[in-house]
Structure formats: structure tokens, C-alpha cells
């Protein structure tokens, strides 16, 4: 008797989730008998940031800096971040007939963060974040949970609310990204999930992977929670990995059971001050599958990359549409700094900048990106859109960044093709 592919995926997904829960409790229960030296670099969540190793030789309480406290049981670090966007538009007649857009300013993101690492034999750190999301005009909890070092299985496990792990550009810290917004082709994937994620890296083989299982036990009423549960795997290889040069090859796969048997598929044109250019409407579906690949090359100040994704919406009444899209870009740092790369989570991170407040000149970066997404499939006319975007970033310090972008895009929807010029600027502050 043959077994349907979706049944196999369901079995695999539940097995991953159950295994993750089992591993978590085994590690916690074995805490008392596990002895190891503290790691030199302790992860502060899953987005590529680290703590300094705690001082386990003293129980004295003290501030090590204005926003970091060293307590007897755990360190505590306070931080906040802010994104403010301004934009204006120049539309041709066809674009004006499609959408009415007006210039404006908007708080894109404001968040408050607390994190720390416990002074246990096993390295365990914690994180909590609350954020105002200007896109949805709501407050929500961002990454919040525990990161547990698991050298026995080559990495670490995060339990709590975090990014699923599908796509590098989706999972990496949004404040570390080179563009103002992530490419439109991954807007279909929810930004967060509540569950367990295992991240691993084999340094000798230069192989990485992360596997996650997530449910909606705590997030059922959140705007990002469009799935009852989902399973994600992302894996890849670093053919070259040195301080100066990185070649990154990765792939992602995702399976999810949709909440309430329906899913709205839509995307903005990589700017939150614009309406949803692409909208396939509400599609009746019980589950979706997603696949994609990523390729990055970085040598010194030069970086190039591409990601391409396919989203299969299993909906017989809608013809089981397959949506696809992606991006290709090139970035160059004119002041010769190099963007960091984190092997623990297989993502690019922040640039270490010579601050203008300490006699430096800051960091100047130029980027050119082409991106596209097609939501026209069969009877579904959600639109097809492409955009080309040159952008310049000025990092005044590690905490302050100004961004300037021009974009031109063409939308094929409503029986016409409309062209839009996008003029965008952003201020970014992160402590």
C-alpha cells in the first residue's frame, strides 16, 4: 500500500518535534553531571550575537558597563533598537491607476531587549524581546527563550520563540542586513515560530544545518501565526571558509499545516510605506511546502549572493499553485571592512565600523539588487513584480546607520503593467 507524500512529511515533522522535546529535557536533567569548560563565545540568541564569557569565580554583583550587569546566577544585558523609514514615490499613469501612494514617515520597528547567560557548567543563555511592529501597528514578543550549548551533538538548541530557520536572509538579524527590507519572495514564510530549533556545525567538514519544529500553542492569536505547526530544515556547505573569503552554499525545505484551512498570500514591494502590490487573495489549503537555495560569495569587502524560492500551495480547488521568486545582489564596502560570518548559525552578521565619534570615518557600502516574485498562477491573478534597487549605507558607528535607496519596479496586475520609482531613506539605531 502506497503512502502519500504528505503523510510521510507529517510523520517526519512530528518525529523531529518530539525528538527536539526529548533532547531538551535530557540535556536539562543531565545538567548536574555534565562538566565542561565555559565556551569562549556564548550565543546571545540565534541571530549571530555573542556574550563575553561570564566570571564564574566570583559571586559579587557588579555593572561591567552601563547596560550589562554581572550577577551571581546570571549576567543581564539591556538593549534597544529603532528603525525609522521615510519614502516618496513617482508613478507612471498605469501604476497610479493600480495604486494610490503618498509620501510619508513611519516607525518601522522599535524593540527592547533583555538577555543574559547563566553561570552553569553547561552554557545556557536566555533572551527576551518585545517589539513594536510598524508594519502591523502592534506590539509583539520577538525572540524569547533559552539557548543551550550541546557539544555532544555539535551545536546548540534554542527553545522558545525564534525565527524558523528558512532562508539565510530571513533568519539573520534584520539590523545586520545590507538592504532595508528582505526580498519579497520570502514574505510568504512567517517571520517567527514557537518551538525548538537545533543548530549545528561540523568545522572539519564545514557542514552546517538547523532543524526546527514549531507549533502555535502560544502564538495562535499573533498576526504572524498562520500555521498550526511547521517543520523546517536548512543545511549547507562552506567549500571555502577563511577570515577573508567565504563561499556559502545552502538549501531550505519547509512543511506546514495551515491554520483554519486557508492562507492569504501577499507581499509588499520591499517597502512598508507601500500597499500590498502582490496579493493572491485567500487560498483554501490544508498544508504548504516550500523549497529554496542560497549561494553567497564574500572576499574582503566584496560580497555577492542569490536566493531563489518555490512555494507550493496544496489547494486542488485553486489548481495547486506554485509561486516562485528570488533575488541576486552585489555589495561592496568602499572603506574596505569585511562583513562578519557566523558558522554556528550559518549567517552573515554585522560590520565592525570605525566610529565617527572616535575619530573614524565610518563605513560606506554600496549595493545593487534585482528581485522578483510571481503570484500569477492559473486562475489566481495575484500579480507579478520585479524591482531593481541601488542602495548606499553609511555606518556612522556600530550603533548608528543611515540608508539611502532608489528603486524602480514594474507590476503586472489588473490587466496592465505599471512602473514605480521608489525613493527611500532609513535611520537605524541599535544598542
Protein backbone atom coordinates (compact mmCIF):
# COMPACT_ATOMS: atom_id res chain seq x y z
CA UNK A 1 0.00 0.00 0.00
CA UNK A 2 1.48 3.35 -1.03
CA UNK A 3 1.84 6.17 1.46
CA UNK A 4 1.11 9.71 0.34
CA UNK A 5 3.99 12.20 0.42
CA UNK A 6 2.09 14.49 2.82
CA UNK A 7 1.67 11.60 5.28
CA UNK A 8 5.40 10.95 5.17
CA UNK A 9 6.12 14.63 5.77
CA UNK A 10 3.64 14.68 8.64
CA UNK A 11 5.35 11.68 10.27
CA UNK A 12 8.85 13.18 9.79
CA UNK A 13 7.74 16.57 11.12
CA UNK A 14 6.15 15.15 14.27
CA UNK A 15 9.20 12.95 14.84
CA UNK A 16 11.50 15.98 14.64
CA UNK A 17 9.35 17.93 17.08
CA UNK A 18 9.09 15.05 19.56
CA UNK A 19 12.82 14.35 19.31
CA UNK A 20 13.59 18.01 19.99
CA UNK A 21 11.45 17.99 23.13
CA UNK A 22 13.11 14.77 24.32
CA UNK A 23 16.63 16.11 23.71
CA UNK A 24 15.82 19.32 25.57
CA UNK A 25 14.70 17.52 28.74
CA UNK A 26 17.59 15.05 28.59
CA UNK A 27 20.05 17.94 28.49
CA UNK A 28 18.36 19.74 31.37
CA UNK A 29 18.22 16.59 33.51
CA UNK A 30 21.86 15.80 32.79
CA UNK A 31 22.97 19.28 33.85
CA UNK A 32 24.24 18.23 37.26
CA UNK A 33 26.53 15.51 35.89
CA UNK A 34 27.83 17.36 32.85
CA UNK A 35 31.23 19.00 33.22
CA UNK A 36 32.82 21.19 30.59
CA UNK A 37 34.77 24.43 30.40
CA UNK A 38 32.68 27.52 29.50
CA UNK A 39 32.80 28.38 25.82
CA UNK A 40 34.81 31.42 24.79
CA UNK A 41 31.85 32.68 22.75
CA UNK A 42 28.38 32.33 24.20
CA UNK A 43 25.44 32.90 21.83
CA UNK A 44 23.04 35.74 22.57
CA UNK A 45 20.06 34.18 20.81
CA UNK A 46 20.21 32.76 17.28
CA UNK A 47 20.97 35.82 15.15
CA UNK A 48 24.75 35.91 15.37
CA UNK A 49 25.42 37.96 18.50
CA UNK A 50 27.56 36.80 21.44
CA UNK A 51 28.19 37.47 25.11
CA UNK A 52 31.51 37.72 26.82
CA UNK A 53 32.23 34.64 28.93
CA UNK A 54 30.86 35.13 32.48
CA UNK A 55 33.10 35.40 35.51
CA UNK A 56 32.27 32.23 37.43
CA UNK A 57 34.94 32.82 40.09
CA UNK A 58 33.04 35.49 41.99
CA UNK A 59 29.55 35.95 43.36
CA UNK A 60 29.84 39.75 43.58
CA UNK A 61 27.21 41.79 41.85
CA UNK A 62 28.60 44.50 39.56
CA UNK A 63 27.98 46.51 36.40
CA UNK A 64 30.56 45.69 33.74
CA UNK A 65 29.21 48.51 31.54
CA UNK A 66 26.26 50.89 31.62
CA UNK A 67 23.93 48.25 30.12
CA UNK A 68 25.48 44.98 31.38
CA UNK A 69 25.18 43.57 34.88
CA UNK A 70 27.14 40.62 36.23
CA UNK A 71 25.03 38.88 38.87
CA UNK A 72 25.73 35.82 40.99
CA UNK A 73 23.50 33.48 38.94
CA UNK A 74 23.27 35.17 35.54
CA UNK A 75 24.55 38.14 33.61
CA UNK A 76 21.98 40.63 32.33
CA UNK A 77 22.32 42.79 29.24
CA UNK A 78 19.89 45.56 28.24
CA UNK A 79 19.47 46.83 24.71
CA UNK A 80 17.08 48.59 22.38
CA UNK A 81 16.76 49.19 18.65
CA UNK A 82 14.90 51.58 16.37
CA UNK A 83 14.17 51.81 12.64
CA UNK A 84 12.56 54.89 11.08
CA UNK A 85 11.61 54.96 7.40
CA UNK A 86 10.76 57.81 5.03
CA UNK A 87 9.76 57.40 1.39
CA UNK A 88 8.21 59.04 -1.60
CA UNK A 89 7.08 57.69 -4.96
CA UNK A 90 6.91 58.70 -8.62
CA UNK A 91 4.43 56.61 -10.60
CA UNK A 92 3.60 56.37 -14.26
CA UNK A 93 -0.08 56.53 -15.27
CA UNK A 94 -0.58 52.77 -15.24
CA UNK A 95 0.93 52.49 -11.75
CA UNK A 96 -1.24 55.36 -10.49
CA UNK A 97 -4.29 53.52 -11.81
CA UNK A 98 -3.21 50.40 -9.89
CA UNK A 99 -2.43 52.06 -6.52
CA UNK A 100 -2.59 55.48 -4.91
CA UNK A 101 0.63 56.02 -2.93
CA UNK A 102 1.64 59.02 -0.85
CA UNK A 103 4.98 60.03 0.72
CA UNK A 104 5.41 59.67 4.44
CA UNK A 105 7.44 58.66 7.50
CA UNK A 106 6.85 55.60 9.63
CA UNK A 107 8.37 53.90 12.65
CA UNK A 108 9.33 50.60 11.07
CA UNK A 109 10.49 48.84 14.23
CA UNK A 110 11.16 49.62 17.87
CA UNK A 111 12.24 46.93 20.31
CA UNK A 112 13.51 46.50 23.85
CA UNK A 113 15.80 43.54 24.57
CA UNK A 114 16.97 41.74 27.70
CA UNK A 115 19.39 38.82 27.64
CA UNK A 116 21.97 37.05 29.75
CA UNK A 117 23.83 33.82 30.38
CA UNK A 118 23.56 31.60 33.41
CA UNK A 119 26.65 30.63 35.38
CA UNK A 120 26.09 26.90 34.99
CA UNK A 121 28.57 24.22 33.99
CA UNK A 122 26.65 23.81 30.78
CA UNK A 123 26.39 27.04 28.79
CA UNK A 124 22.79 28.24 28.83
CA UNK A 125 21.81 31.76 27.79
CA UNK A 126 18.41 33.43 27.78
CA UNK A 127 16.79 36.21 25.81
CA UNK A 128 13.56 38.23 25.91
CA UNK A 129 12.43 40.91 23.50
CA UNK A 130 9.31 42.99 22.93
CA UNK A 131 8.83 44.95 19.73
CA UNK A 132 6.52 47.50 18.16
CA UNK A 133 5.98 46.41 14.55
CA UNK A 134 5.19 49.38 12.34
CA UNK A 135 4.00 47.09 9.55
CA UNK A 136 1.10 45.71 11.60
CA UNK A 137 0.91 48.56 14.17
CA UNK A 138 1.12 46.03 17.01
CA UNK A 139 3.37 45.08 19.91
CA UNK A 140 4.66 41.51 19.99
CA UNK A 141 7.27 39.36 21.63
CA UNK A 142 10.30 38.80 19.42
CA UNK A 143 12.95 36.14 20.02
CA UNK A 144 12.45 34.96 23.60
CA UNK A 145 13.73 31.74 25.09
CA UNK A 146 16.80 29.71 26.01
CA UNK A 147 19.91 28.73 24.01
CA UNK A 148 21.51 25.54 25.34
CA UNK A 149 25.02 24.54 24.31
CA UNK A 150 25.06 20.95 23.03
CA UNK A 151 28.62 19.99 22.07
CA UNK A 152 27.53 16.34 22.21
CA UNK A 153 25.54 16.98 19.02
CA UNK A 154 27.83 19.64 17.51
CA UNK A 155 25.97 22.83 18.27
CA UNK A 156 23.17 24.32 20.30
CA UNK A 157 19.41 24.08 20.83
CA UNK A 158 17.04 27.01 21.15
CA UNK A 159 13.66 26.57 22.81
CA UNK A 160 11.11 29.37 22.76
CA UNK A 161 10.12 31.94 20.15
CA UNK A 162 12.60 32.45 17.32
CA UNK A 163 12.91 32.66 13.55
CA UNK A 164 12.04 29.39 11.89
CA UNK A 165 15.34 28.98 10.04
CA UNK A 166 14.17 29.05 6.42
CA UNK A 167 16.50 31.15 4.17
CA UNK A 168 19.63 32.99 5.30
CA UNK A 169 18.19 36.45 4.65
CA UNK A 170 15.05 35.52 6.60
CA UNK A 171 16.82 34.11 9.66
CA UNK A 172 19.67 36.62 10.03
CA UNK A 173 19.36 39.72 12.18
CA UNK A 174 17.33 42.31 10.29
CA UNK A 175 19.54 45.08 11.67
CA UNK A 176 22.60 43.39 10.15
CA UNK A 177 21.12 43.09 6.65
CA UNK A 178 22.63 45.03 3.76
CA UNK A 179 19.24 46.07 2.31
CA UNK A 180 16.44 47.96 4.01
CA UNK A 181 14.00 45.07 3.58
CA UNK A 182 14.32 41.39 2.83
CA UNK A 183 13.42 40.22 -0.65
CA UNK A 184 9.69 39.90 -1.38
CA UNK A 185 9.85 36.18 -2.31
CA UNK A 186 10.17 35.12 1.35
CA UNK A 187 7.30 37.26 2.66
CA UNK A 188 5.15 34.13 2.33
CA UNK A 189 7.12 32.50 5.19
CA UNK A 190 6.17 33.65 8.73
CA UNK A 191 8.94 35.54 10.50
CA UNK A 192 8.65 33.74 13.88
CA UNK A 193 7.65 30.45 15.43
CA UNK A 194 7.27 28.94 18.91
CA UNK A 195 9.09 25.66 19.32
CA UNK A 196 12.54 24.07 19.19
CA UNK A 197 15.44 24.63 16.80
CA UNK A 198 18.68 22.65 16.63
CA UNK A 199 21.67 24.43 15.05
CA UNK A 200 24.87 22.54 14.30
CA UNK A 201 28.20 22.98 12.53
CA UNK A 202 30.98 20.50 11.76
CA UNK A 203 34.19 22.58 11.42
CA UNK A 204 36.30 19.87 9.81
CA UNK A 205 33.75 19.11 7.09
CA UNK A 206 32.47 22.72 7.06
CA UNK A 207 28.88 21.46 7.02
CA UNK A 208 26.03 23.25 8.81
CA UNK A 209 22.37 22.57 9.44
CA UNK A 210 19.44 23.71 11.51
CA UNK A 211 16.25 21.76 12.09
CA UNK A 212 13.16 23.22 13.71
CA UNK A 213 9.70 22.16 14.80
CA UNK A 214 7.14 24.82 15.72
CA UNK A 215 3.52 24.98 16.87
CA UNK A 216 1.00 27.70 17.65
CA UNK A 217 0.48 26.86 21.32
CA UNK A 218 1.44 30.39 22.43
CA UNK A 219 1.12 32.38 19.23
CA UNK A 220 -2.30 31.37 17.90
CA UNK A 221 -3.59 34.95 18.01
CA UNK A 222 -0.42 36.63 16.72
CA UNK A 223 -0.53 38.13 13.21
CA UNK A 224 2.43 36.00 12.06
CA UNK A 225 0.81 32.74 13.22
CA UNK A 226 -0.82 31.42 10.04
CA UNK A 227 0.11 27.76 10.66
CA UNK A 228 -0.93 25.18 13.25
CA UNK A 229 2.56 23.71 13.10
CA UNK A 230 5.53 23.62 10.76
CA UNK A 231 8.85 21.84 10.30
CA UNK A 232 11.92 23.39 8.69
CA UNK A 233 15.33 22.12 7.71
CA UNK A 234 18.17 24.27 6.36
CA UNK A 235 21.54 22.77 5.55
CA UNK A 236 24.63 23.55 3.54
CA UNK A 237 28.36 23.53 3.00
CA UNK A 238 31.20 26.04 3.08
CA UNK A 239 33.62 24.97 0.29
CA UNK A 240 35.87 27.84 1.39
CA UNK A 241 35.91 29.43 4.84
CA UNK A 242 38.74 31.74 5.92
CA UNK A 243 38.91 35.12 7.63
CA UNK A 244 39.00 36.82 4.23
CA UNK A 245 36.98 34.52 1.97
CA UNK A 246 33.70 32.61 2.31
CA UNK A 247 31.72 30.53 -0.17
CA UNK A 248 28.36 29.53 1.28
CA UNK A 249 26.00 27.01 -0.37
CA UNK A 250 22.69 26.23 1.33
CA UNK A 251 19.20 24.85 0.81
CA UNK A 252 15.96 25.01 2.79
CA UNK A 253 12.80 22.92 2.94
CA UNK A 254 9.62 23.59 4.89
CA UNK A 255 6.31 21.83 5.50
CA UNK A 256 3.42 23.41 7.39
CA UNK A 257 -0.19 22.69 8.28
CA UNK A 258 -2.25 25.83 7.69
CA UNK A 259 -4.43 27.38 10.37
CA UNK A 260 -8.21 27.27 9.67
CA UNK A 261 -7.69 25.71 6.24
CA UNK A 262 -6.97 28.97 4.47
CA UNK A 263 -3.95 31.16 3.74
CA UNK A 264 -3.52 34.69 2.42
CA UNK A 265 -0.50 35.03 0.13
CA UNK A 266 0.68 38.60 -0.47
CA UNK A 267 3.73 40.86 -0.44
CA UNK A 268 4.71 44.50 -0.35
CA UNK A 269 7.29 45.84 -2.87
CA UNK A 270 10.11 45.76 -0.25
CA UNK A 271 8.88 48.93 1.45
CA UNK A 272 6.44 49.10 4.37
CA UNK A 273 5.05 52.50 3.35
CA UNK A 274 3.60 50.97 0.18
CA UNK A 275 0.43 48.84 -0.12
CA UNK A 276 0.49 45.14 -0.97
CA UNK A 277 1.41 45.19 -4.65
CA UNK A 278 1.07 41.42 -4.87
CA UNK A 279 -1.97 39.65 -3.41
CA UNK A 280 -3.18 36.19 -4.39
CA UNK A 281 -6.12 36.52 -2.01
CA UNK A 282 -7.25 33.87 0.45
CA UNK A 283 -6.50 30.36 -0.80
CA UNK A 284 -8.25 27.31 0.64
CA UNK A 285 -5.47 24.92 1.67
CA UNK A 286 -4.59 22.49 4.45
CA UNK A 287 -0.82 22.47 4.01
CA UNK A 288 2.03 24.05 2.07
CA UNK A 289 5.56 23.02 1.08
CA UNK A 290 8.47 25.34 0.38
CA UNK A 291 11.90 24.77 -1.15
CA UNK A 292 14.81 27.03 -1.96
CA UNK A 293 18.51 27.54 -2.38
CA UNK A 294 21.11 30.14 -1.44
CA UNK A 295 24.59 30.90 -2.75
CA UNK A 296 26.92 33.55 -1.32
CA UNK A 297 30.49 34.58 -2.04
CA UNK A 298 32.44 37.03 0.11
CA UNK A 299 36.05 38.07 -0.34
CA UNK A 300 37.21 41.04 1.72
CA UNK A 301 34.87 43.99 1.10
CA UNK A 302 33.14 42.35 -1.90
CA UNK A 303 30.08 40.15 -1.43
CA UNK A 304 27.68 38.62 -3.97
CA UNK A 305 24.70 36.40 -3.37
CA UNK A 306 21.47 34.94 -4.65
CA UNK A 307 18.46 33.16 -3.17
CA UNK A 308 15.58 31.53 -5.07
CA UNK A 309 12.43 30.01 -3.58
CA UNK A 310 9.38 27.99 -4.62
CA UNK A 311 6.16 27.93 -2.59
CA UNK A 312 3.71 25.10 -3.29
CA UNK A 313 0.18 25.77 -2.02
CA UNK A 314 -1.64 22.45 -1.94
CA UNK A 315 -5.13 23.53 -2.96
CA UNK A 316 -6.99 21.39 -5.52
CA UNK A 317 -9.76 23.99 -5.88
CA UNK A 318 -7.14 26.59 -6.87
CA UNK A 319 -5.09 24.30 -9.10
CA UNK A 320 -2.29 23.68 -6.54
CA UNK A 321 -0.42 26.89 -7.43
CA UNK A 322 3.39 27.03 -7.34
CA UNK A 323 4.66 30.54 -6.66
CA UNK A 324 8.32 31.44 -7.17
CA UNK A 325 10.73 34.32 -6.85
CA UNK A 326 14.16 35.36 -5.68
CA UNK A 327 16.97 37.87 -5.71
CA UNK A 328 20.53 38.45 -6.86
CA UNK A 329 22.76 41.20 -5.45
CA UNK A 330 26.30 42.53 -5.23
CA UNK A 331 27.69 44.56 -2.30
CA UNK A 332 30.97 46.43 -1.95
CA UNK A 333 32.33 48.16 1.16
CA UNK A 334 34.31 51.13 -0.10
CA UNK A 335 36.12 51.62 3.23
CA UNK A 336 37.45 48.01 2.95
CA UNK A 337 35.84 46.47 6.03
CA UNK A 338 34.59 42.88 5.84
CA UNK A 339 31.13 41.68 6.82
CA UNK A 340 31.34 39.01 9.54
CA UNK A 341 30.15 35.43 9.07
CA UNK A 342 28.84 33.20 11.85
CA UNK A 343 29.33 29.45 11.42
CA UNK A 344 27.19 28.50 14.44
CA UNK A 345 24.04 29.66 12.65
CA UNK A 346 25.45 29.96 9.09
CA UNK A 347 24.56 33.62 8.61
CA UNK A 348 26.29 36.89 7.86
CA UNK A 349 26.44 39.42 10.66
CA UNK A 350 27.48 42.96 11.48
CA UNK A 351 30.31 45.11 10.14
CA UNK A 352 32.84 46.36 12.68
CA UNK A 353 32.91 50.10 11.96
CA UNK A 354 35.46 52.80 12.74
CA UNK A 355 33.14 55.15 14.59
CA UNK A 356 32.97 58.81 13.59
CA UNK A 357 32.57 59.55 17.31
CA UNK A 358 36.05 58.12 17.97
CA UNK A 359 37.97 59.76 15.16
CA UNK A 360 36.99 57.32 12.42
CA UNK A 361 35.19 57.93 9.14
CA UNK A 362 32.52 55.29 9.45
CA UNK A 363 31.83 52.61 6.86
CA UNK A 364 30.41 53.18 3.37
CA UNK A 365 28.70 50.35 1.50
CA UNK A 366 27.08 50.23 -1.94
CA UNK A 367 24.61 47.52 -3.04
CA UNK A 368 22.75 46.67 -6.23
CA UNK A 369 19.88 44.15 -6.05
CA UNK A 370 17.39 42.66 -8.50
CA UNK A 371 14.39 40.83 -7.02
CA UNK A 372 11.18 39.31 -8.30
CA UNK A 373 8.02 37.42 -7.25
CA UNK A 374 5.27 35.92 -9.40
CA UNK A 375 1.81 35.28 -7.90
CA UNK A 376 0.06 34.77 -11.26
CA UNK A 377 -0.77 31.07 -11.49
CA UNK A 378 -3.76 29.64 -13.35
CA UNK A 379 -6.95 31.34 -12.18
CA UNK A 380 -5.03 33.19 -9.45
CA UNK A 381 -4.02 36.69 -10.55
CA UNK A 382 -2.03 37.94 -7.60
CA UNK A 383 0.38 39.83 -9.85
CA UNK A 384 3.98 39.55 -10.97
CA UNK A 385 6.51 42.18 -9.86
CA UNK A 386 10.21 42.85 -10.35
CA UNK A 387 12.37 45.55 -8.84
CA UNK A 388 15.95 46.78 -9.21
CA UNK A 389 17.44 48.68 -6.25
CA UNK A 390 20.74 50.52 -5.84
CA UNK A 391 21.39 51.42 -2.19
CA UNK A 392 24.08 53.22 -0.17
CA UNK A 393 24.65 52.61 3.55
CA UNK A 394 26.67 54.85 5.85
CA UNK A 395 27.53 53.17 9.16
CA UNK A 396 28.47 56.05 11.43
CA UNK A 397 29.30 53.60 14.23
CA UNK A 398 28.38 50.09 15.27
CA UNK A 399 25.18 51.54 16.73
CA UNK A 400 24.09 54.11 14.13
CA UNK A 401 23.40 53.67 10.42
CA UNK A 402 21.87 55.77 7.63
CA UNK A 403 20.49 54.16 4.44
CA UNK A 404 19.53 55.67 1.10
CA UNK A 405 17.87 53.70 -1.70
CA UNK A 406 16.31 54.24 -5.10
CA UNK A 407 14.22 51.51 -6.65
CA UNK A 408 12.40 51.03 -9.91
CA UNK A 409 9.82 48.27 -10.25
CA UNK A 410 7.18 47.07 -12.70
CA UNK A 411 3.94 45.41 -11.56
CA UNK A 412 1.94 43.23 -13.96
CA UNK A 413 -1.52 43.14 -12.40
CA UNK A 414 -5.10 44.29 -13.01
CA UNK A 415 -4.57 43.78 -16.74
CA UNK A 416 -1.81 46.36 -17.02
CA UNK A 417 1.88 46.96 -16.30
CA UNK A 418 2.70 49.90 -14.07
CA UNK A 419 6.12 51.35 -13.29
CA UNK A 420 7.00 52.94 -9.94
CA UNK A 421 10.07 54.87 -8.76
CA UNK A 422 10.78 54.37 -5.05
CA UNK A 423 12.86 56.88 -3.05
CA UNK A 424 13.64 55.58 0.43
CA UNK A 425 15.75 56.52 3.43
CA UNK A 426 16.13 54.95 6.87
CA UNK A 427 17.77 55.69 10.19
CA UNK A 428 18.81 52.67 12.28
CA UNK A 429 19.87 52.75 15.92
CA UNK A 430 20.89 49.63 17.84
CA UNK A 431 22.38 49.41 21.33
